[in-house]
Amino acid sequence: MTDMTQNTEVEQQAQLRKTTKRGGGDPATRGRTTIADGVVEKIAGLAARDVLGVHAMGSGLSRTFGAVRDRVPGGSKSATRGVKVEVGEVQTALDLEIVVDYGVSISDVAKAVRENVIAAVERMTGLEVVEVNVAVSDVKLPDEEDEEPESRLQ
């Protein structure tokens, strides 16, 4: 082999090393991200509670059990109460159960809940929200006591 042929082969190998990327492309595409149902439930529950006119989440029974659980030392209010989700690879569907304050427009509150939940879930997870079903299970009257009284402890 001549020096000229040897130099050309070395140059070709060097050029090949420069053009070959290690790792297979964009780092954002290396691997999978999965989001647990509970994560979407928490996001949706907090987003729904932020809407004016939503008094509580969940049915009367679940709120009663939740009030008992919340009184246990170390317990906290469940952000997922009244929320059920189905999470796929790229889409999610949600069912919410809410209690509205007396005097508010239920259809306006339900619309605002849908908009707020969809915006929060899509922004934080990147999942497409295909539906948000809102079930109004009760109306909180002004003279009714809350089922979750404040703790006497300070």
N, C-alpha and C. Protein backbone atom coordinates (compact mmCIF):
# COMPACT_ATOMS: atom_id res chain seq x y z
N MET A 1 0.81 -1.17 0.00
CA MET A 1 0.00 0.00 0.00
C MET A 1 0.87 1.25 0.00
N THR A 2 0.44 2.23 -0.69
CA THR A 2 1.22 3.46 -0.77
C THR A 2 0.82 4.39 0.36
N ASP A 3 1.68 5.35 0.57
CA ASP A 3 1.38 6.35 1.61
C ASP A 3 0.11 7.13 1.28
N MET A 4 -0.13 7.36 -0.01
CA MET A 4 -1.29 8.12 -0.45
C MET A 4 -2.58 7.37 -0.13
N THR A 5 -2.63 6.08 -0.39
CA THR A 5 -3.80 5.25 -0.12
C THR A 5 -4.03 5.14 1.37
N GLN A 6 -2.97 4.99 2.14
CA GLN A 6 -3.05 4.88 3.59
C GLN A 6 -3.60 6.17 4.19
N ASN A 7 -3.13 7.31 3.74
CA ASN A 7 -3.61 8.61 4.22
C ASN A 7 -5.09 8.81 3.90
N THR A 8 -5.53 8.39 2.74
CA THR A 8 -6.93 8.53 2.34
C THR A 8 -7.82 7.68 3.24
N GLU A 9 -7.42 6.46 3.54
CA GLU A 9 -8.20 5.59 4.41
C GLU A 9 -8.30 6.17 5.82
N VAL A 10 -7.24 6.69 6.35
CA VAL A 10 -7.23 7.30 7.68
C VAL A 10 -8.15 8.52 7.71
N GLU A 11 -8.10 9.32 6.65
CA GLU A 11 -8.96 10.51 6.57
C GLU A 11 -10.43 10.11 6.51
N GLN A 12 -10.75 9.05 5.76
CA GLN A 12 -12.12 8.58 5.65
C GLN A 12 -12.63 8.06 7.00
N GLN A 13 -11.81 7.34 7.72
CA GLN A 13 -12.21 6.85 9.03
C GLN A 13 -12.41 7.99 10.02
N ALA A 14 -11.55 8.98 9.96
CA ALA A 14 -11.69 10.15 10.82
C ALA A 14 -12.98 10.90 10.50
N GLN A 15 -13.29 11.05 9.22
CA GLN A 15 -14.51 11.72 8.80
C GLN A 15 -15.74 10.94 9.26
N LEU A 16 -15.68 9.61 9.17
CA LEU A 16 -16.78 8.76 9.60
C LEU A 16 -17.03 8.91 11.10
N ARG A 17 -15.98 8.97 11.89
CA ARG A 17 -16.12 9.16 13.34
C ARG A 17 -16.74 10.50 13.66
N LYS A 18 -16.43 11.53 12.90
CA LYS A 18 -16.97 12.87 13.15
C LYS A 18 -18.47 12.91 12.86
N THR A 19 -18.93 12.20 11.84
CA THR A 19 -20.33 12.27 11.44
C THR A 19 -21.21 11.30 12.21
N THR A 20 -20.65 10.31 12.88
CA THR A 20 -21.43 9.35 13.63
C THR A 20 -21.74 9.92 15.00
N LYS A 21 -23.07 10.01 15.32
CA LYS A 21 -23.49 10.51 16.63
C LYS A 21 -23.58 9.35 17.60
N ARG A 22 -23.16 9.58 18.79
CA ARG A 22 -23.29 8.57 19.83
C ARG A 22 -24.65 8.75 20.51
N GLY A 23 -25.25 7.66 20.92
CA GLY A 23 -26.49 7.74 21.68
C GLY A 23 -27.76 7.78 20.86
N GLY A 24 -27.68 7.92 19.59
CA GLY A 24 -28.87 7.78 18.76
C GLY A 24 -29.77 8.98 18.65
N GLY A 25 -29.30 10.18 18.73
CA GLY A 25 -30.15 11.33 18.42
C GLY A 25 -30.46 12.20 19.62
N ASP A 26 -31.59 12.89 19.51
CA ASP A 26 -32.02 13.86 20.50
C ASP A 26 -32.22 13.20 21.87
N PRO A 27 -31.63 13.78 22.91
CA PRO A 27 -31.78 13.18 24.25
C PRO A 27 -33.23 13.07 24.72
N ALA A 28 -34.09 13.98 24.25
CA ALA A 28 -35.49 13.95 24.69
C ALA A 28 -36.22 12.71 24.18
N THR A 29 -35.70 12.06 23.16
CA THR A 29 -36.38 10.88 22.60
C THR A 29 -35.79 9.58 23.11
N ARG A 30 -34.85 9.64 24.01
CA ARG A 30 -34.21 8.42 24.53
C ARG A 30 -34.93 7.96 25.80
N GLY A 31 -35.88 7.09 25.64
CA GLY A 31 -36.59 6.56 26.80
C GLY A 31 -38.06 6.93 26.78
N ARG A 32 -38.78 6.42 27.79
CA ARG A 32 -40.23 6.63 27.91
C ARG A 32 -40.55 7.34 29.19
N THR A 33 -41.59 8.13 29.16
CA THR A 33 -42.12 8.76 30.37
C THR A 33 -43.51 8.22 30.61
N THR A 34 -43.76 7.70 31.80
CA THR A 34 -45.10 7.24 32.15
C THR A 34 -45.61 8.08 33.30
N ILE A 35 -46.90 8.35 33.28
CA ILE A 35 -47.53 9.18 34.31
C ILE A 35 -48.59 8.34 35.00
N ALA A 36 -48.48 8.20 36.31
CA ALA A 36 -49.41 7.39 37.08
C ALA A 36 -50.78 8.05 37.15
N ASP A 37 -51.81 7.23 37.28
CA ASP A 37 -53.17 7.74 37.41
C ASP A 37 -53.28 8.73 38.56
N GLY A 38 -52.63 8.41 39.68
CA GLY A 38 -52.71 9.27 40.86
C GLY A 38 -52.17 10.67 40.64
N VAL A 39 -51.19 10.80 39.77
CA VAL A 39 -50.63 12.12 39.46
C VAL A 39 -51.68 12.97 38.75
N VAL A 40 -52.33 12.38 37.76
CA VAL A 40 -53.37 13.10 37.02
C VAL A 40 -54.56 13.40 37.94
N GLU A 41 -54.90 12.48 38.83
CA GLU A 41 -55.99 12.70 39.78
C GLU A 41 -55.71 13.90 40.67
N LYS A 42 -54.49 14.00 41.18
CA LYS A 42 -54.14 15.13 42.04
C LYS A 42 -54.21 16.46 41.30
N ILE A 43 -53.65 16.48 40.11
CA ILE A 43 -53.68 17.72 39.30
C ILE A 43 -55.12 18.14 39.04
N ALA A 44 -55.95 17.19 38.63
CA ALA A 44 -57.35 17.49 38.32
C ALA A 44 -58.12 17.93 39.56
N GLY A 45 -57.88 17.25 40.68
CA GLY A 45 -58.58 17.60 41.92
C GLY A 45 -58.25 19.00 42.38
N LEU A 46 -56.99 19.36 42.34
CA LEU A 46 -56.59 20.70 42.76
C LEU A 46 -57.12 21.76 41.79
N ALA A 47 -57.09 21.46 40.49
CA ALA A 47 -57.59 22.41 39.49
C ALA A 47 -59.09 22.62 39.64
N ALA A 48 -59.84 21.56 39.94
CA ALA A 48 -61.29 21.69 40.11
C ALA A 48 -61.62 22.49 41.36
N ARG A 49 -60.88 22.28 42.43
CA ARG A 49 -61.14 23.01 43.68
C ARG A 49 -60.86 24.51 43.53
N ASP A 50 -60.03 24.89 42.59
CA ASP A 50 -59.70 26.30 42.37
C ASP A 50 -60.85 27.09 41.76
N VAL A 51 -61.86 26.41 41.24
CA VAL A 51 -62.96 27.10 40.56
C VAL A 51 -63.94 27.65 41.58
N LEU A 52 -64.29 28.91 41.40
CA LEU A 52 -65.26 29.58 42.27
C LEU A 52 -66.62 28.90 42.12
N GLY A 53 -67.23 28.53 43.23
CA GLY A 53 -68.52 27.84 43.20
C GLY A 53 -68.41 26.37 43.53
N VAL A 54 -67.20 25.81 43.49
CA VAL A 54 -67.01 24.42 43.90
C VAL A 54 -66.78 24.42 45.41
N HIS A 55 -67.72 23.81 46.13
CA HIS A 55 -67.60 23.78 47.59
C HIS A 55 -66.73 22.62 48.05
N ALA A 56 -66.91 21.46 47.42
CA ALA A 56 -66.16 20.26 47.83
C ALA A 56 -66.14 19.29 46.66
N MET A 57 -65.34 18.24 46.84
CA MET A 57 -65.22 17.19 45.83
C MET A 57 -65.69 15.88 46.45
N GLY A 58 -66.37 15.07 45.64
CA GLY A 58 -66.78 13.74 46.08
C GLY A 58 -68.23 13.71 46.53
N SER A 59 -68.73 12.48 46.72
CA SER A 59 -70.11 12.29 47.19
C SER A 59 -70.15 12.50 48.70
N GLY A 60 -71.35 12.53 49.25
CA GLY A 60 -71.50 12.71 50.69
C GLY A 60 -70.79 11.64 51.49
N LEU A 61 -70.88 10.40 51.03
CA LEU A 61 -70.24 9.29 51.74
C LEU A 61 -68.72 9.40 51.72
N SER A 62 -68.17 9.71 50.55
CA SER A 62 -66.71 9.82 50.47
C SER A 62 -66.21 11.02 51.27
N ARG A 63 -67.00 12.09 51.34
CA ARG A 63 -66.60 13.25 52.14
C ARG A 63 -66.64 12.92 53.63
N THR A 64 -67.63 12.11 54.03
CA THR A 64 -67.73 11.71 55.44
C THR A 64 -66.54 10.85 55.84
N PHE A 65 -66.22 9.86 55.03
CA PHE A 65 -65.04 9.03 55.32
C PHE A 65 -63.78 9.86 55.29
N GLY A 66 -63.71 10.80 54.35
CA GLY A 66 -62.54 11.67 54.24
C GLY A 66 -62.38 12.55 55.46
N ALA A 67 -63.50 13.04 56.02
CA ALA A 67 -63.44 13.88 57.21
C ALA A 67 -62.88 13.10 58.39
N VAL A 68 -63.28 11.84 58.51
CA VAL A 68 -62.75 10.99 59.58
C VAL A 68 -61.26 10.75 59.37
N ARG A 69 -60.88 10.43 58.13
CA ARG A 69 -59.47 10.17 57.81
C ARG A 69 -58.62 11.43 58.03
N ASP A 70 -59.18 12.60 57.74
CA ASP A 70 -58.43 13.85 57.90
C ASP A 70 -58.13 14.17 59.36
N ARG A 71 -58.95 13.65 60.27
CA ARG A 71 -58.75 13.93 61.70
C ARG A 71 -57.66 13.07 62.32
N VAL A 72 -57.27 12.02 61.63
CA VAL A 72 -56.21 11.16 62.14
C VAL A 72 -54.90 11.94 62.10
N PRO A 73 -54.14 11.91 63.20
CA PRO A 73 -52.87 12.64 63.20
C PRO A 73 -51.98 12.23 62.04
N GLY A 74 -51.46 13.22 61.36
CA GLY A 74 -50.60 12.97 60.20
C GLY A 74 -51.39 12.87 58.91
N GLY A 75 -52.71 12.83 59.01
CA GLY A 75 -53.55 12.75 57.81
C GLY A 75 -53.67 14.11 57.16
N SER A 76 -53.99 14.12 55.90
CA SER A 76 -54.20 15.39 55.21
C SER A 76 -55.38 15.24 54.27
N LYS A 77 -55.90 16.36 53.82
CA LYS A 77 -57.03 16.32 52.91
C LYS A 77 -56.62 15.64 51.62
N SER A 78 -57.48 14.77 51.14
CA SER A 78 -57.17 14.02 49.93
C SER A 78 -57.44 14.88 48.70
N ALA A 79 -56.39 15.11 47.93
CA ALA A 79 -56.53 15.91 46.71
C ALA A 79 -57.23 15.12 45.62
N THR A 80 -57.32 13.80 45.79
CA THR A 80 -57.90 12.97 44.74
C THR A 80 -59.36 12.61 45.01
N ARG A 81 -59.92 13.07 46.12
CA ARG A 81 -61.31 12.75 46.44
C ARG A 81 -62.23 13.29 45.35
N GLY A 82 -63.12 12.44 44.85
CA GLY A 82 -64.07 12.85 43.83
C GLY A 82 -63.51 12.84 42.42
N VAL A 83 -62.32 12.27 42.23
CA VAL A 83 -61.69 12.26 40.91
C VAL A 83 -61.35 10.82 40.53
N LYS A 84 -61.74 10.44 39.33
CA LYS A 84 -61.34 9.14 38.77
C LYS A 84 -60.80 9.40 37.38
N VAL A 85 -59.70 8.75 37.03
CA VAL A 85 -59.09 8.97 35.71
C VAL A 85 -58.73 7.65 35.06
N GLU A 86 -58.63 7.71 33.74
CA GLU A 86 -58.05 6.63 32.95
C GLU A 86 -56.93 7.28 32.15
N VAL A 87 -55.73 6.77 32.33
CA VAL A 87 -54.57 7.35 31.65
C VAL A 87 -54.01 6.34 30.65
N GLY A 88 -53.90 6.77 29.40
CA GLY A 88 -53.27 5.97 28.37
C GLY A 88 -51.87 6.50 28.10
N GLU A 89 -51.31 6.12 26.97
CA GLU A 89 -49.96 6.58 26.63
C GLU A 89 -49.93 8.05 26.25
N VAL A 90 -50.97 8.51 25.54
CA VAL A 90 -50.98 9.91 25.09
C VAL A 90 -52.27 10.64 25.42
N GLN A 91 -53.27 9.94 25.97
CA GLN A 91 -54.56 10.55 26.27
C GLN A 91 -55.02 10.18 27.66
N THR A 92 -55.96 10.99 28.18
CA THR A 92 -56.56 10.70 29.47
C THR A 92 -58.02 11.14 29.46
N ALA A 93 -58.84 10.47 30.27
CA ALA A 93 -60.25 10.82 30.45
C ALA A 93 -60.50 10.91 31.95
N LEU A 94 -61.33 11.88 32.34
CA LEU A 94 -61.54 12.13 33.77
C LEU A 94 -63.02 12.18 34.11
N ASP A 95 -63.35 11.69 35.31
CA ASP A 95 -64.68 11.80 35.89
C ASP A 95 -64.54 12.53 37.22
N LEU A 96 -65.29 13.61 37.38
CA LEU A 96 -65.22 14.41 38.60
C LEU A 96 -66.59 14.45 39.26
N GLU A 97 -66.61 14.39 40.58
CA GLU A 97 -67.84 14.52 41.35
C GLU A 97 -67.66 15.72 42.27
N ILE A 98 -68.56 16.71 42.12
CA ILE A 98 -68.40 17.95 42.88
C ILE A 98 -69.66 18.30 43.66
N VAL A 99 -69.47 19.16 44.65
CA VAL A 99 -70.56 19.79 45.39
C VAL A 99 -70.43 21.28 45.11
N VAL A 100 -71.53 21.90 44.68
CA VAL A 100 -71.48 23.33 44.35
C VAL A 100 -72.14 24.15 45.46
N ASP A 101 -71.75 25.39 45.54
CA ASP A 101 -72.37 26.32 46.48
C ASP A 101 -73.75 26.71 45.97
N TYR A 102 -74.69 26.90 46.90
CA TYR A 102 -76.04 27.32 46.52
C TYR A 102 -75.98 28.72 45.88
N GLY A 103 -76.75 28.88 44.81
CA GLY A 103 -76.86 30.18 44.17
C GLY A 103 -75.99 30.37 42.94
N VAL A 104 -75.06 29.48 42.72
CA VAL A 104 -74.21 29.60 41.52
C VAL A 104 -74.86 28.86 40.37
N SER A 105 -74.51 29.24 39.16
CA SER A 105 -74.98 28.55 37.97
C SER A 105 -74.20 27.24 37.82
N ILE A 106 -74.90 26.13 37.96
CA ILE A 106 -74.24 24.82 37.90
C ILE A 106 -73.59 24.61 36.55
N SER A 107 -74.25 25.01 35.47
CA SER A 107 -73.66 24.82 34.15
C SER A 107 -72.40 25.67 33.98
N ASP A 108 -72.39 26.89 34.52
CA ASP A 108 -71.19 27.73 34.44
C ASP A 108 -70.04 27.16 35.26
N VAL A 109 -70.36 26.63 36.45
CA VAL A 109 -69.34 26.03 37.29
C VAL A 109 -68.77 24.78 36.61
N ALA A 110 -69.63 23.94 36.06
CA ALA A 110 -69.17 22.73 35.38
C ALA A 110 -68.28 23.09 34.19
N LYS A 111 -68.67 24.11 33.43
CA LYS A 111 -67.86 24.55 32.29
C LYS A 111 -66.50 25.05 32.75
N ALA A 112 -66.49 25.86 33.81
CA ALA A 112 -65.23 26.40 34.34
C ALA A 112 -64.34 25.28 34.90
N VAL A 113 -64.95 24.29 35.54
CA VAL A 113 -64.19 23.14 36.05
C VAL A 113 -63.53 22.41 34.89
N ARG A 114 -64.31 22.13 33.84
CA ARG A 114 -63.76 21.44 32.66
C ARG A 114 -62.57 22.21 32.09
N GLU A 115 -62.75 23.51 31.88
CA GLU A 115 -61.69 24.33 31.28
C GLU A 115 -60.44 24.34 32.14
N ASN A 116 -60.61 24.51 33.45
CA ASN A 116 -59.47 24.59 34.36
C ASN A 116 -58.74 23.24 34.46
N VAL A 117 -59.50 22.16 34.53
CA VAL A 117 -58.90 20.82 34.64
C VAL A 117 -58.15 20.47 33.35
N ILE A 118 -58.78 20.72 32.21
CA ILE A 118 -58.13 20.41 30.93
C ILE A 118 -56.84 21.20 30.78
N ALA A 119 -56.89 22.49 31.08
CA ALA A 119 -55.69 23.33 30.95
C ALA A 119 -54.57 22.84 31.87
N ALA A 120 -54.90 22.53 33.12
CA ALA A 120 -53.87 22.11 34.08
C ALA A 120 -53.28 20.75 33.71
N VAL A 121 -54.13 19.79 33.37
CA VAL A 121 -53.64 18.44 33.06
C VAL A 121 -52.80 18.45 31.79
N GLU A 122 -53.29 19.12 30.75
CA GLU A 122 -52.53 19.14 29.49
C GLU A 122 -51.20 19.89 29.64
N ARG A 123 -51.22 20.99 30.39
CA ARG A 123 -49.99 21.78 30.57
C ARG A 123 -48.95 21.01 31.39
N MET A 124 -49.39 20.34 32.44
CA MET A 124 -48.44 19.69 33.34
C MET A 124 -48.00 18.30 32.89
N THR A 125 -48.87 17.60 32.15
CA THR A 125 -48.53 16.22 31.78
C THR A 125 -48.22 16.04 30.30
N GLY A 126 -48.73 16.92 29.46
CA GLY A 126 -48.56 16.76 28.02
C GLY A 126 -49.54 15.76 27.43
N LEU A 127 -50.41 15.17 28.27
CA LEU A 127 -51.42 14.25 27.78
C LEU A 127 -52.58 15.03 27.17
N GLU A 128 -53.22 14.44 26.16
CA GLU A 128 -54.42 15.03 25.58
C GLU A 128 -55.61 14.60 26.43
N VAL A 129 -56.39 15.57 26.91
CA VAL A 129 -57.59 15.25 27.68
C VAL A 129 -58.74 15.09 26.68
N VAL A 130 -59.27 13.86 26.60
CA VAL A 130 -60.32 13.60 25.62
C VAL A 130 -61.71 13.90 26.17
N GLU A 131 -61.90 13.78 27.49
CA GLU A 131 -63.18 14.16 28.08
C GLU A 131 -63.04 14.39 29.57
N VAL A 132 -63.89 15.30 30.07
CA VAL A 132 -64.00 15.55 31.50
C VAL A 132 -65.49 15.53 31.82
N ASN A 133 -65.92 14.49 32.51
CA ASN A 133 -67.33 14.35 32.91
C ASN A 133 -67.47 14.91 34.32
N VAL A 134 -68.41 15.83 34.50
CA VAL A 134 -68.63 16.46 35.79
C VAL A 134 -70.00 16.04 36.31
N ALA A 135 -70.02 15.41 37.48
CA ALA A 135 -71.27 15.02 38.14
C ALA A 135 -71.43 15.89 39.38
N VAL A 136 -72.53 16.60 39.47
CA VAL A 136 -72.83 17.42 40.65
C VAL A 136 -73.65 16.56 41.58
N SER A 137 -73.08 16.23 42.73
CA SER A 137 -73.74 15.30 43.65
C SER A 137 -74.51 16.00 44.77
N ASP A 138 -74.27 17.30 44.97
CA ASP A 138 -74.95 17.99 46.06
C ASP A 138 -74.80 19.50 45.88
N VAL A 139 -75.63 20.22 46.62
CA VAL A 139 -75.56 21.68 46.67
C VAL A 139 -75.37 22.06 48.13
N LYS A 140 -74.38 22.86 48.41
CA LYS A 140 -74.10 23.32 49.78
C LYS A 140 -74.98 24.53 50.07
N LEU A 141 -75.94 24.37 50.98
CA LEU A 141 -76.83 25.46 51.37
C LEU A 141 -76.12 26.37 52.37
N PRO A 142 -76.47 27.65 52.37
CA PRO A 142 -75.77 28.60 53.26
C PRO A 142 -75.89 28.26 54.74
N ASP A 143 -77.03 27.68 55.17
CA ASP A 143 -77.23 27.41 56.59
C ASP A 143 -76.78 26.02 57.02
N GLU A 144 -76.25 25.22 56.09
CA GLU A 144 -75.76 23.88 56.43
C GLU A 144 -74.38 23.97 57.05
N GLU A 145 -74.16 23.10 58.05
CA GLU A 145 -72.81 23.01 58.61
C GLU A 145 -71.94 22.20 57.69
N ASP A 146 -70.66 22.52 57.66
CA ASP A 146 -69.72 21.71 56.88
C ASP A 146 -69.60 20.35 57.52
N GLU A 147 -69.46 19.33 56.69
CA GLU A 147 -69.26 17.97 57.20
C GLU A 147 -67.86 17.79 57.74
N GLU A 148 -66.97 18.70 57.39
CA GLU A 148 -65.59 18.62 57.84
C GLU A 148 -65.29 19.78 58.77
N PRO A 149 -65.70 19.67 60.04
CA PRO A 149 -65.48 20.79 60.96
C PRO A 149 -63.99 21.04 61.18
N GLU A 150 -63.70 22.28 61.52
CA GLU A 150 -62.29 22.63 61.78
C GLU A 150 -61.84 21.95 63.06
N SER A 151 -60.57 21.64 63.10
CA SER A 151 -59.99 20.99 64.25
C SER A 151 -59.95 21.95 65.43
N ARG A 152 -60.14 21.42 66.66
CA ARG A 152 -60.05 22.27 67.84
C ARG A 152 -58.59 22.51 68.22
N LEU A 153 -57.69 21.73 67.65
CA LEU A 153 -56.28 21.88 67.96
C LEU A 153 -55.68 23.05 67.20
N GLN A 154 -54.70 23.68 67.80
CA GLN A 154 -54.01 24.77 67.12
C GLN A 154 -52.56 24.50 67.02
